[in-house]
Amino acid sequence: MTTGARDERMRRTRRSLIAQARRLTAAHGLAGFTVEQLCAEVGISRRTFFNYFATKDDAVLGTPARDPLEAFGEQFVDGGRTPDGPGLLAGLQELVVQSFRLFEGPHDRAQLLGVLRREPALLQRLTEDMDRQVTALAELIARRQRRPAEDPFPRVAAAVVSHLARHTVHEFLETRPATADPEESPPLEEFAALLDRNVRLAAALFVPAPSHSTTSAPTGSPSTSSAPTGEDLPPGTVPTTGPGSAPTTEGTP
């Protein structure tokens, strides 16, 4: 068996384990079935199960085999230390997309929400995991931007980006075609495009679009129809030209 075929088989087994774990939890509760029963549903051994997940809870939540920030964090940090590296915002977008790739499915959001409502302990754990991820992301941002530990910027940036990433995931899954297989991983390119759109929309919130007033400004007064200048923008943002265009972020904010 080739490496590609083996990897695909493992991805399918992983998706099947998550799907069946959620189905059994929705029907019987987390304590209502055993790992052995779950393995029987999927057609694998108990020993094989632990090649995919450490616990039954992990199977229900679909915990990635690798922590995304551990897998890609150093690459993100190093990207800010080279002259031709991406700006901070672009680097964060890339990190979010890479992280989403590790969540290999299934992506049936309605089923997961039903499971979390039935098992509040899983919701509590998921919330705690998200909080840890935000803290870890803030530490990576601080290292990349060489910010001191007491600087609030990395924590705010991590909170904003994490919330935007979760919103994009929810929107992406909700708008998937009704015919899509919930056990298949959605196209990564579509997620990246939606994230890029949402980042641009969020940027417009903080940097207003140029006014299109036709009223002439008095001589010597600033024109109300001109685009924001670099002095008007938050540090690290560079306005682009054209009506409604969103700013890009480069360098240290």
Protein backbone atom coordinates (compact mmCIF):
# COMPACT_ATOMS: atom_id res chain seq x y z
CA MET A 1 0.00 0.00 0.00
CA THR A 2 1.35 3.42 -0.95
CA THR A 3 1.82 6.19 1.59
CA GLY A 4 -0.99 8.21 0.04
CA ALA A 5 -3.41 5.28 0.17
CA ARG A 6 -2.47 4.53 3.77
CA ASP A 7 -2.96 8.15 4.81
CA GLU A 8 -6.35 8.27 3.14
CA ARG A 9 -7.42 5.06 4.87
CA MET A 10 -6.37 6.52 8.22
CA ARG A 11 -8.31 9.73 7.54
CA ARG A 12 -11.42 7.74 6.70
CA THR A 13 -11.05 5.61 9.84
CA ARG A 14 -10.63 8.73 11.93
CA ARG A 15 -13.72 10.34 10.44
CA SER A 16 -15.71 7.16 11.00
CA LEU A 17 -14.63 7.01 14.64
CA ILE A 18 -15.72 10.60 15.24
CA ALA A 19 -19.03 10.16 13.42
CA GLN A 20 -19.90 6.95 15.28
CA ALA A 21 -18.76 8.35 18.65
CA ARG A 22 -21.07 11.32 18.19
CA ARG A 23 -23.95 9.15 17.01
CA LEU A 24 -23.61 6.85 20.04
CA THR A 25 -23.30 9.81 22.40
CA ALA A 26 -26.40 11.46 20.95
CA ALA A 27 -28.35 8.21 21.33
CA HIS A 28 -27.04 6.86 24.65
CA GLY A 29 -24.96 9.57 26.34
CA LEU A 30 -21.21 9.51 26.80
CA ALA A 31 -21.43 6.87 29.54
CA GLY A 32 -23.85 4.76 27.52
CA PHE A 33 -21.26 2.99 25.36
CA THR A 34 -17.70 1.70 25.64
CA VAL A 35 -14.62 2.11 23.50
CA GLU A 36 -15.01 -1.55 22.54
CA GLN A 37 -18.54 -0.92 21.28
CA LEU A 38 -17.36 2.09 19.31
CA CYS A 39 -14.57 0.05 17.74
CA ALA A 40 -17.05 -2.70 16.80
CA GLU A 41 -19.18 -0.12 14.98
CA VAL A 42 -16.19 1.03 12.94
CA GLY A 43 -14.62 -2.39 12.48
CA ILE A 44 -11.29 -1.85 14.23
CA SER A 45 -9.61 -3.22 17.35
CA ARG A 46 -9.44 -1.45 20.70
CA ARG A 47 -5.67 -1.22 20.28
CA THR A 48 -6.08 0.51 16.93
CA PHE A 49 -8.44 3.05 18.49
CA PHE A 50 -5.61 4.44 20.61
CA ASN A 51 -3.58 5.13 17.48
CA TYR A 52 -6.19 7.80 16.76
CA PHE A 53 -7.45 9.11 20.12
CA ALA A 54 -6.28 9.08 23.71
CA THR A 55 -9.81 8.94 25.16
CA LYS A 56 -13.43 8.45 24.16
CA ASP A 57 -14.01 12.15 24.83
CA ASP A 58 -11.35 13.02 22.25
CA ALA A 59 -13.15 10.90 19.66
CA VAL A 60 -16.44 12.71 20.28
CA LEU A 61 -14.81 16.14 20.10
CA GLY A 62 -12.68 15.19 17.10
CA THR A 63 -9.47 16.32 18.80
CA PRO A 64 -6.76 16.70 16.12
CA ALA A 65 -3.97 14.15 16.08
CA ARG A 66 -1.53 17.08 16.34
CA ASP A 67 -2.05 20.32 18.22
CA PRO A 68 -2.24 22.94 15.43
CA LEU A 69 -0.23 25.58 17.28
CA GLU A 70 2.46 23.07 18.18
CA ALA A 71 2.53 21.82 14.59
CA PHE A 72 2.72 25.24 12.89
CA GLY A 73 3.57 27.71 15.66
CA GLU A 74 7.32 27.90 15.08
CA GLN A 75 6.78 28.39 11.35
CA PHE A 76 4.45 31.30 12.19
CA VAL A 77 6.99 32.87 14.56
CA ASP A 78 9.85 32.49 12.09
CA GLY A 79 7.76 34.11 9.34
CA GLY A 80 7.94 37.43 11.14
CA ARG A 81 11.72 37.40 11.40
CA THR A 82 12.62 37.41 7.72
CA PRO A 83 12.58 40.54 5.54
CA ASP A 84 10.42 38.89 2.88
CA GLY A 85 8.11 37.13 5.35
CA PRO A 86 4.36 37.76 5.39
CA GLY A 87 2.87 40.52 7.52
CA LEU A 88 1.32 39.62 10.85
CA LEU A 89 -2.25 39.46 9.58
CA ALA A 90 -1.30 37.35 6.57
CA GLY A 91 0.69 35.05 8.84
CA LEU A 92 -2.26 34.64 11.19
CA GLN A 93 -4.57 33.82 8.27
CA GLU A 94 -2.17 31.16 7.07
CA LEU A 95 -1.96 29.71 10.58
CA VAL A 96 -5.76 29.52 10.85
CA VAL A 97 -6.03 27.73 7.49
CA GLN A 98 -3.29 25.27 8.42
CA SER A 99 -5.03 24.58 11.72
CA PHE A 100 -8.38 23.99 10.01
CA ARG A 101 -6.72 21.38 7.81
CA LEU A 102 -5.92 19.27 10.86
CA PHE A 103 -9.62 19.03 11.76
CA GLU A 104 -10.23 16.31 9.24
CA GLY A 105 -13.92 15.89 9.91
CA PRO A 106 -16.63 14.95 10.03
CA HIS A 107 -18.05 18.47 9.90
CA ASP A 108 -21.68 17.89 10.85
CA ARG A 109 -22.11 20.94 13.09
CA ALA A 110 -25.75 20.19 14.00
CA GLN A 111 -24.82 16.76 15.30
CA LEU A 112 -21.95 18.12 17.38
CA LEU A 113 -24.15 20.83 18.91
CA GLY A 114 -26.69 18.16 19.87
CA VAL A 115 -23.98 16.13 21.57
CA LEU A 116 -22.69 19.18 23.48
CA ARG A 117 -26.20 19.99 24.70
CA ARG A 118 -26.61 16.45 25.98
CA GLU A 119 -23.16 16.33 27.60
CA PRO A 120 -22.34 19.70 29.23
CA ALA A 121 -19.03 18.31 30.48
CA LEU A 122 -17.85 18.07 26.89
CA LEU A 123 -18.88 21.68 26.27
CA GLN A 124 -16.90 22.73 29.35
CA ARG A 125 -13.83 20.90 28.09
CA LEU A 126 -14.21 22.38 24.62
CA THR A 127 -14.43 25.87 26.11
CA GLU A 128 -11.32 25.28 28.23
CA ASP A 129 -9.45 23.96 25.19
CA MET A 130 -10.40 27.10 23.24
CA ASP A 131 -9.18 29.33 26.08
CA ARG A 132 -5.86 27.50 26.12
CA GLN A 133 -5.54 27.95 22.37
CA VAL A 134 -6.10 31.71 22.65
CA THR A 135 -3.43 31.94 25.37
CA ALA A 136 -0.99 29.88 23.29
CA LEU A 137 -1.68 32.00 20.19
CA ALA A 138 -1.05 35.21 22.17
CA GLU A 139 2.33 33.84 23.25
CA LEU A 140 3.23 33.04 19.64
CA ILE A 141 2.22 36.55 18.52
CA ALA A 142 4.30 38.11 21.30
CA ARG A 143 7.34 36.08 20.24
CA ARG A 144 6.89 36.86 16.55
CA GLN A 145 6.46 40.60 17.17
CA ARG A 146 9.07 40.70 19.97
CA ARG A 147 6.56 42.15 22.40
CA PRO A 148 7.16 42.16 26.17
CA ALA A 149 5.09 39.84 28.35
CA GLU A 150 3.04 42.71 29.82
CA ASP A 151 2.06 44.11 26.39
CA PRO A 152 -1.72 43.68 25.90
CA PHE A 153 -1.56 43.69 22.09
CA PRO A 154 -0.81 39.94 21.61
CA ARG A 155 -3.72 38.94 23.87
CA VAL A 156 -6.16 41.25 22.08
CA ALA A 157 -4.94 40.15 18.65
CA ALA A 158 -5.24 36.47 19.61
CA ALA A 159 -8.78 36.96 20.95
CA VAL A 160 -9.92 38.82 17.82
CA VAL A 161 -8.38 36.35 15.37
CA SER A 162 -9.65 33.33 17.32
CA HIS A 163 -13.19 34.68 17.36
CA LEU A 164 -13.03 35.51 13.65
CA ALA A 165 -11.70 32.01 12.91
CA ARG A 166 -14.54 30.35 14.85
CA HIS A 167 -17.11 32.56 13.13
CA THR A 168 -15.68 31.59 9.74
CA VAL A 169 -15.79 27.88 10.61
CA HIS A 170 -19.44 28.15 11.68
CA GLU A 171 -20.40 30.13 8.57
CA PHE A 172 -18.53 27.76 6.31
CA LEU A 173 -20.20 24.65 7.72
CA GLU A 174 -23.66 26.22 7.75
CA THR A 175 -23.44 27.16 4.07
CA ARG A 176 -22.19 23.79 2.82
CA PRO A 177 -24.49 22.24 0.19
CA ALA A 178 -27.21 20.00 1.57
CA THR A 179 -25.87 17.18 -0.58
CA ALA A 180 -22.38 17.38 0.93
CA ASP A 181 -21.20 14.31 2.81
CA PRO A 182 -20.90 15.38 6.49
CA GLU A 183 -18.15 12.80 7.00
CA GLU A 184 -15.94 14.32 4.33
CA SER A 185 -13.57 17.18 5.04
CA PRO A 186 -14.69 20.37 3.25
CA PRO A 187 -12.43 21.91 0.56
CA LEU A 188 -9.61 23.83 2.20
CA GLU A 189 -9.46 26.40 -0.59
CA GLU A 190 -13.08 27.41 0.00
CA PHE A 191 -12.44 27.89 3.70
CA ALA A 192 -9.34 30.00 3.00
CA ALA A 193 -11.31 32.22 0.61
CA LEU A 194 -14.11 32.74 3.13
CA LEU A 195 -11.62 33.57 5.87
CA ASP A 196 -9.92 36.10 3.60
CA ARG A 197 -13.28 37.75 2.89
CA ASN A 198 -14.14 37.94 6.58
CA VAL A 199 -10.74 39.40 7.45
CA ARG A 200 -11.29 42.15 4.89
CA LEU A 201 -14.74 42.88 6.26
CA ALA A 202 -13.36 43.06 9.79
CA ALA A 203 -10.59 45.40 8.63
CA ALA A 204 -13.19 47.77 7.21
CA LEU A 205 -14.72 48.04 10.68
CA PHE A 206 -11.52 49.49 12.12
CA VAL A 207 -10.46 51.57 9.13
CA PRO A 208 -13.47 53.41 7.60
CA ALA A 209 -13.82 53.42 3.83
CA PRO A 210 -13.16 56.76 2.09
CA SER A 211 -16.07 59.19 2.09
CA HIS A 212 -17.70 59.86 -1.28
CA SER A 213 -19.06 63.30 -0.43
CA THR A 214 -19.30 65.60 -3.44
CA THR A 215 -19.11 68.75 -1.31
CA SER A 216 -15.96 70.71 -1.96
CA ALA A 217 -13.86 71.38 1.09
CA PRO A 218 -12.75 74.94 1.83
CA THR A 219 -9.28 75.87 0.70
CA GLY A 220 -6.73 74.82 3.28
CA SER A 221 -9.14 72.40 4.97
CA PRO A 222 -8.75 68.63 4.81
CA SER A 223 -10.97 67.08 2.13
CA THR A 224 -13.74 64.82 3.44
CA SER A 225 -13.55 62.69 0.30
CA SER A 226 -9.91 61.72 0.55
CA ALA A 227 -8.80 58.25 1.64
CA PRO A 228 -7.21 57.88 5.07
CA THR A 229 -3.53 58.62 5.15
CA GLY A 230 -0.91 56.57 6.93
CA GLU A 231 -1.11 58.98 9.85
CA ASP A 232 -4.84 58.26 10.27
CA LEU A 233 -4.43 54.49 10.47
CA PRO A 234 -3.44 52.17 13.28
CA PRO A 235 0.28 51.31 13.26
CA GLY A 236 1.08 48.59 10.72
CA THR A 237 -1.83 49.22 8.33
CA VAL A 238 -1.39 50.44 4.79
CA PRO A 239 -4.48 51.72 2.96
CA THR A 240 -5.20 50.43 -0.52
CA THR A 241 -6.78 52.56 -3.20
CA GLY A 242 -10.26 52.25 -4.64
CA PRO A 243 -13.75 52.65 -3.18
CA GLY A 244 -14.47 50.31 -0.30
CA SER A 245 -11.06 48.69 -0.41
CA ALA A 246 -9.85 47.16 2.83
CA PRO A 247 -6.46 47.88 4.38
CA THR A 248 -3.65 45.43 4.34
CA THR A 249 -1.44 44.84 7.34
CA GLU A 250 2.27 44.60 7.07
CA GLY A 251 5.05 44.67 9.59
CA THR A 252 4.71 45.13 13.31
CA PRO A 253 1.32 46.56 14.37
